[in-house]
Amino acid sequence: MTVRLCAAIKQAKQVKPLWHGGWWSKYKYGEAWQIDYITLPQTRQGKHYALTMVEATTGWLETYPVPHATAQNNILGLEQQVPWRHSTPERIESDNGTHFKNSLINTWAREHGIE
């Protein structure tokens, strides 16, 4: 075996995929959520965005309409939609926008044991 092949095998063994409904996933249910914002037509309540939160293994979608895409609204959406219906996630994935990667979010995630 070549060194390159051995390194590739070693790396592949680190990710332990799980079989879920006919396909492989590297996460267990509720462990990881993927979040982003979409723009909406403004509602009568002044909501112009929706925080979308997708559970990584099932594709289950949760939404939280907000007036602005901010770190504070991320936290409100995640706290109101995710932990109460599902387990608290270990990991949250995003596109790394400034409303997702900042000190407020980092502190909140650390306090909740989230990557």
N, C-alpha and C. Protein backbone atom coordinates (compact mmCIF):
# COMPACT_ATOMS: atom_id res chain seq x y z
N MET A 1 0.84 -1.19 0.00
CA MET A 1 0.00 0.00 0.00
C MET A 1 0.88 1.24 0.00
N THR A 2 0.40 2.24 -0.69
CA THR A 2 1.15 3.49 -0.71
C THR A 2 0.81 4.31 0.52
N VAL A 3 1.67 5.26 0.82
CA VAL A 3 1.44 6.15 1.96
C VAL A 3 0.17 6.95 1.75
N ARG A 4 -0.06 7.41 0.52
CA ARG A 4 -1.26 8.20 0.20
C ARG A 4 -2.53 7.38 0.43
N LEU A 5 -2.53 6.13 -0.01
CA LEU A 5 -3.69 5.27 0.16
C LEU A 5 -3.94 5.00 1.65
N CYS A 6 -2.88 4.72 2.40
CA CYS A 6 -3.03 4.49 3.85
C CYS A 6 -3.61 5.72 4.55
N ALA A 7 -3.14 6.90 4.17
CA ALA A 7 -3.66 8.14 4.77
C ALA A 7 -5.14 8.32 4.44
N ALA A 8 -5.54 8.00 3.20
CA ALA A 8 -6.94 8.14 2.80
C ALA A 8 -7.82 7.17 3.58
N ILE A 9 -7.35 5.95 3.77
CA ILE A 9 -8.12 4.96 4.53
C ILE A 9 -8.24 5.39 5.99
N LYS A 10 -7.17 5.87 6.56
CA LYS A 10 -7.19 6.33 7.95
C LYS A 10 -8.19 7.48 8.13
N GLN A 11 -8.20 8.42 7.18
CA GLN A 11 -9.12 9.55 7.26
C GLN A 11 -10.57 9.07 7.12
N ALA A 12 -10.82 8.16 6.20
CA ALA A 12 -12.18 7.66 5.98
C ALA A 12 -12.72 6.94 7.22
N LYS A 13 -11.85 6.29 7.98
CA LYS A 13 -12.29 5.59 9.18
C LYS A 13 -12.71 6.54 10.29
N GLN A 14 -12.29 7.80 10.23
CA GLN A 14 -12.64 8.77 11.27
C GLN A 14 -14.11 9.15 11.19
N VAL A 15 -14.69 9.17 9.98
CA VAL A 15 -16.11 9.48 9.80
C VAL A 15 -16.87 8.18 9.86
N LYS A 16 -17.76 8.05 10.80
CA LYS A 16 -18.52 6.82 10.95
C LYS A 16 -19.95 7.06 10.46
N PRO A 17 -20.20 6.80 9.16
CA PRO A 17 -21.53 7.04 8.64
C PRO A 17 -22.55 6.05 9.21
N LEU A 18 -23.80 6.46 9.25
CA LEU A 18 -24.90 5.63 9.73
C LEU A 18 -25.87 5.39 8.59
N TRP A 19 -26.52 4.25 8.60
CA TRP A 19 -27.50 3.91 7.57
C TRP A 19 -28.86 4.44 8.00
N HIS A 20 -29.45 5.34 7.21
CA HIS A 20 -30.76 5.94 7.52
C HIS A 20 -31.65 5.86 6.30
N GLY A 21 -32.65 5.04 6.35
CA GLY A 21 -33.66 5.00 5.31
C GLY A 21 -33.12 4.84 3.90
N GLY A 22 -32.14 4.01 3.70
CA GLY A 22 -31.64 3.75 2.36
C GLY A 22 -30.46 4.60 1.95
N TRP A 23 -29.91 5.41 2.85
CA TRP A 23 -28.72 6.19 2.51
C TRP A 23 -27.86 6.38 3.75
N TRP A 24 -26.61 6.71 3.53
CA TRP A 24 -25.65 6.85 4.63
C TRP A 24 -25.58 8.29 5.12
N SER A 25 -25.47 8.45 6.40
CA SER A 25 -25.34 9.77 7.00
C SER A 25 -24.19 9.74 7.99
N LYS A 26 -23.45 10.85 8.07
CA LYS A 26 -22.36 10.89 9.05
C LYS A 26 -22.84 11.39 10.42
N TYR A 27 -24.14 11.69 10.55
CA TYR A 27 -24.69 12.17 11.81
C TYR A 27 -25.78 11.25 12.32
N LYS A 28 -26.03 11.32 13.63
CA LYS A 28 -27.19 10.67 14.23
C LYS A 28 -28.33 11.69 14.22
N TYR A 29 -29.57 11.20 14.32
CA TYR A 29 -30.72 12.09 14.30
C TYR A 29 -30.60 13.17 15.38
N GLY A 30 -30.82 14.41 14.99
CA GLY A 30 -30.82 15.54 15.91
C GLY A 30 -29.44 16.08 16.25
N GLU A 31 -28.39 15.41 15.81
CA GLU A 31 -27.03 15.80 16.16
C GLU A 31 -26.59 17.06 15.43
N ALA A 32 -27.01 17.23 14.18
CA ALA A 32 -26.56 18.37 13.38
C ALA A 32 -27.73 19.04 12.67
N TRP A 33 -27.68 20.36 12.65
CA TRP A 33 -28.67 21.17 11.94
C TRP A 33 -27.94 22.12 11.00
N GLN A 34 -28.55 22.37 9.85
CA GLN A 34 -28.00 23.32 8.88
C GLN A 34 -28.95 24.51 8.83
N ILE A 35 -28.38 25.72 8.98
CA ILE A 35 -29.24 26.91 9.06
C ILE A 35 -28.85 27.93 8.01
N ASP A 36 -29.84 28.71 7.58
CA ASP A 36 -29.62 29.81 6.65
C ASP A 36 -30.87 30.69 6.67
N TYR A 37 -30.77 31.84 6.02
CA TYR A 37 -31.92 32.74 5.89
C TYR A 37 -32.43 32.74 4.47
N ILE A 38 -33.75 32.89 4.33
CA ILE A 38 -34.35 33.16 3.03
C ILE A 38 -35.12 34.47 3.14
N THR A 39 -35.24 35.17 2.02
CA THR A 39 -35.99 36.43 1.98
C THR A 39 -37.45 36.12 1.67
N LEU A 40 -38.34 36.80 2.38
CA LEU A 40 -39.78 36.64 2.19
C LEU A 40 -40.39 37.96 1.76
N PRO A 41 -41.57 37.91 1.13
CA PRO A 41 -42.31 39.15 0.98
C PRO A 41 -42.66 39.63 2.39
N GLN A 42 -42.53 40.91 2.65
CA GLN A 42 -42.75 41.42 4.01
C GLN A 42 -44.18 41.14 4.47
N THR A 43 -44.30 40.60 5.68
CA THR A 43 -45.61 40.29 6.25
C THR A 43 -46.19 41.53 6.93
N ARG A 44 -47.45 41.45 7.33
CA ARG A 44 -48.07 42.56 8.06
C ARG A 44 -47.39 42.80 9.39
N GLN A 45 -46.75 41.77 9.92
CA GLN A 45 -46.04 41.90 11.20
C GLN A 45 -44.61 42.41 11.00
N GLY A 46 -44.23 42.74 9.77
CA GLY A 46 -42.90 43.27 9.50
C GLY A 46 -41.80 42.23 9.34
N LYS A 47 -42.17 40.97 9.20
CA LYS A 47 -41.18 39.90 9.01
C LYS A 47 -40.78 39.87 7.54
N HIS A 48 -39.48 39.96 7.28
CA HIS A 48 -38.98 39.99 5.90
C HIS A 48 -38.05 38.82 5.59
N TYR A 49 -37.68 38.05 6.62
CA TYR A 49 -36.78 36.91 6.45
C TYR A 49 -37.33 35.72 7.22
N ALA A 50 -36.86 34.54 6.86
CA ALA A 50 -37.14 33.35 7.65
C ALA A 50 -35.83 32.63 7.89
N LEU A 51 -35.56 32.33 9.15
CA LEU A 51 -34.43 31.48 9.49
C LEU A 51 -34.89 30.06 9.19
N THR A 52 -34.18 29.38 8.31
CA THR A 52 -34.50 27.99 7.99
C THR A 52 -33.52 27.09 8.71
N MET A 53 -34.03 26.04 9.32
CA MET A 53 -33.22 25.10 10.09
C MET A 53 -33.57 23.70 9.62
N VAL A 54 -32.59 23.00 9.06
CA VAL A 54 -32.82 21.67 8.50
C VAL A 54 -32.05 20.64 9.30
N GLU A 55 -32.75 19.62 9.80
CA GLU A 55 -32.10 18.53 10.51
C GLU A 55 -31.33 17.71 9.48
N ALA A 56 -30.04 17.46 9.73
CA ALA A 56 -29.12 16.93 8.72
C ALA A 56 -29.41 15.49 8.28
N THR A 57 -30.01 14.66 9.10
CA THR A 57 -30.22 13.27 8.68
C THR A 57 -31.55 13.05 7.97
N THR A 58 -32.57 13.80 8.34
CA THR A 58 -33.90 13.56 7.78
C THR A 58 -34.35 14.63 6.79
N GLY A 59 -33.72 15.80 6.86
CA GLY A 59 -34.16 16.91 6.02
C GLY A 59 -35.36 17.64 6.61
N TRP A 60 -35.73 17.32 7.86
CA TRP A 60 -36.85 17.99 8.53
C TRP A 60 -36.59 19.49 8.58
N LEU A 61 -37.56 20.27 8.16
CA LEU A 61 -37.40 21.72 8.08
C LEU A 61 -38.19 22.42 9.18
N GLU A 62 -37.53 23.34 9.85
CA GLU A 62 -38.18 24.25 10.79
C GLU A 62 -37.91 25.66 10.27
N THR A 63 -38.87 26.56 10.43
CA THR A 63 -38.67 27.95 10.01
C THR A 63 -39.05 28.89 11.15
N TYR A 64 -38.45 30.06 11.12
CA TYR A 64 -38.71 31.07 12.14
C TYR A 64 -38.68 32.44 11.46
N PRO A 65 -39.85 33.04 11.17
CA PRO A 65 -39.88 34.34 10.49
C PRO A 65 -39.38 35.46 11.41
N VAL A 66 -38.57 36.35 10.84
CA VAL A 66 -37.97 37.46 11.61
C VAL A 66 -37.92 38.72 10.74
N PRO A 67 -37.86 39.90 11.37
CA PRO A 67 -37.75 41.14 10.60
C PRO A 67 -36.36 41.36 10.01
N HIS A 68 -35.32 40.84 10.69
CA HIS A 68 -33.93 41.06 10.25
C HIS A 68 -33.12 39.79 10.47
N ALA A 69 -32.13 39.57 9.61
CA ALA A 69 -31.21 38.43 9.74
C ALA A 69 -30.10 38.84 10.70
N THR A 70 -30.26 38.51 11.99
CA THR A 70 -29.29 38.90 13.01
C THR A 70 -28.91 37.71 13.88
N ALA A 71 -27.81 37.85 14.60
CA ALA A 71 -27.38 36.80 15.53
C ALA A 71 -28.43 36.57 16.61
N GLN A 72 -29.02 37.64 17.12
CA GLN A 72 -30.05 37.53 18.16
C GLN A 72 -31.24 36.71 17.65
N ASN A 73 -31.66 36.97 16.41
CA ASN A 73 -32.77 36.21 15.84
C ASN A 73 -32.40 34.75 15.58
N ASN A 74 -31.12 34.49 15.27
CA ASN A 74 -30.67 33.09 15.14
C ASN A 74 -30.91 32.35 16.44
N ILE A 75 -30.47 32.96 17.53
CA ILE A 75 -30.58 32.34 18.84
C ILE A 75 -32.05 32.13 19.21
N LEU A 76 -32.88 33.15 19.00
CA LEU A 76 -34.31 33.02 19.30
C LEU A 76 -34.94 31.88 18.49
N GLY A 77 -34.63 31.83 17.20
CA GLY A 77 -35.18 30.78 16.34
C GLY A 77 -34.74 29.40 16.75
N LEU A 78 -33.45 29.26 17.02
CA LEU A 78 -32.93 27.95 17.43
C LEU A 78 -33.51 27.51 18.77
N GLU A 79 -33.61 28.44 19.71
CA GLU A 79 -34.14 28.08 21.03
C GLU A 79 -35.63 27.76 20.99
N GLN A 80 -36.38 28.45 20.12
CA GLN A 80 -37.82 28.22 20.08
C GLN A 80 -38.22 27.05 19.20
N GLN A 81 -37.44 26.74 18.19
CA GLN A 81 -37.85 25.71 17.24
C GLN A 81 -37.14 24.37 17.42
N VAL A 82 -35.86 24.38 17.75
CA VAL A 82 -35.09 23.12 17.70
C VAL A 82 -35.11 22.32 19.00
N PRO A 83 -34.61 22.81 20.12
CA PRO A 83 -34.46 21.94 21.29
C PRO A 83 -35.76 21.37 21.85
N TRP A 84 -36.86 22.09 21.71
CA TRP A 84 -38.09 21.62 22.33
C TRP A 84 -38.71 20.46 21.58
N ARG A 85 -38.52 20.41 20.29
CA ARG A 85 -39.10 19.32 19.50
C ARG A 85 -38.11 18.20 19.23
N HIS A 86 -36.85 18.50 19.36
CA HIS A 86 -35.78 17.56 19.03
C HIS A 86 -34.74 17.66 20.15
N SER A 87 -33.73 16.84 20.10
CA SER A 87 -32.66 16.96 21.09
C SER A 87 -31.81 18.20 20.77
N THR A 88 -31.10 18.71 21.76
CA THR A 88 -30.20 19.84 21.52
C THR A 88 -29.09 19.38 20.59
N PRO A 89 -28.86 20.09 19.49
CA PRO A 89 -27.85 19.64 18.53
C PRO A 89 -26.43 19.75 19.09
N GLU A 90 -25.55 18.91 18.56
CA GLU A 90 -24.14 19.00 18.90
C GLU A 90 -23.41 19.92 17.94
N ARG A 91 -24.00 20.12 16.77
CA ARG A 91 -23.33 20.87 15.71
C ARG A 91 -24.36 21.66 14.91
N ILE A 92 -24.01 22.90 14.56
CA ILE A 92 -24.84 23.73 13.69
C ILE A 92 -23.96 24.18 12.53
N GLU A 93 -24.43 23.94 11.31
CA GLU A 93 -23.67 24.30 10.12
C GLU A 93 -24.37 25.45 9.41
N SER A 94 -23.56 26.39 8.90
CA SER A 94 -24.12 27.55 8.19
C SER A 94 -23.17 27.95 7.07
N ASP A 95 -23.56 29.01 6.35
CA ASP A 95 -22.68 29.52 5.28
C ASP A 95 -21.64 30.49 5.83
N ASN A 96 -21.51 30.58 7.14
CA ASN A 96 -20.52 31.43 7.82
C ASN A 96 -20.73 32.92 7.61
N GLY A 97 -21.97 33.34 7.33
CA GLY A 97 -22.27 34.77 7.24
C GLY A 97 -22.04 35.44 8.59
N THR A 98 -21.91 36.76 8.59
CA THR A 98 -21.61 37.48 9.83
C THR A 98 -22.71 37.30 10.88
N HIS A 99 -23.95 37.06 10.47
CA HIS A 99 -25.02 36.83 11.44
C HIS A 99 -24.95 35.42 12.04
N PHE A 100 -24.08 34.55 11.48
CA PHE A 100 -23.88 33.21 12.03
C PHE A 100 -22.55 33.06 12.76
N LYS A 101 -21.56 33.84 12.39
CA LYS A 101 -20.22 33.72 12.98
C LYS A 101 -19.86 35.02 13.67
N ASN A 102 -20.11 35.11 14.95
CA ASN A 102 -19.79 36.31 15.73
C ASN A 102 -19.72 35.92 17.21
N SER A 103 -19.32 36.86 18.04
CA SER A 103 -19.10 36.54 19.46
C SER A 103 -20.39 36.14 20.18
N LEU A 104 -21.52 36.75 19.84
CA LEU A 104 -22.79 36.39 20.49
C LEU A 104 -23.14 34.93 20.21
N ILE A 105 -23.07 34.53 18.96
CA ILE A 105 -23.36 33.15 18.58
C ILE A 105 -22.34 32.19 19.18
N ASN A 106 -21.06 32.57 19.11
CA ASN A 106 -20.01 31.70 19.66
C ASN A 106 -20.20 31.46 21.15
N THR A 107 -20.55 32.50 21.90
CA THR A 107 -20.78 32.37 23.34
C THR A 107 -21.99 31.48 23.60
N TRP A 108 -23.09 31.74 22.89
CA TRP A 108 -24.31 30.94 23.06
C TRP A 108 -24.03 29.47 22.75
N ALA A 109 -23.34 29.20 21.65
CA ALA A 109 -23.04 27.82 21.26
C ALA A 109 -22.17 27.13 22.30
N ARG A 110 -21.17 27.83 22.78
CA ARG A 110 -20.27 27.25 23.80
C ARG A 110 -21.06 26.92 25.08
N GLU A 111 -21.96 27.81 25.50
CA GLU A 111 -22.77 27.57 26.70
C GLU A 111 -23.69 26.36 26.56
N HIS A 112 -24.06 26.03 25.31
CA HIS A 112 -24.96 24.91 25.06
C HIS A 112 -24.23 23.66 24.56
N GLY A 113 -22.90 23.71 24.52
CA GLY A 113 -22.12 22.55 24.08
C GLY A 113 -22.26 22.25 22.60
N ILE A 114 -22.45 23.30 21.80
CA ILE A 114 -22.65 23.15 20.36
C ILE A 114 -21.40 23.61 19.62
N GLU A 115 -21.00 22.82 18.61
CA GLU A 115 -19.86 23.22 17.76
C GLU A 115 -20.27 24.33 16.84
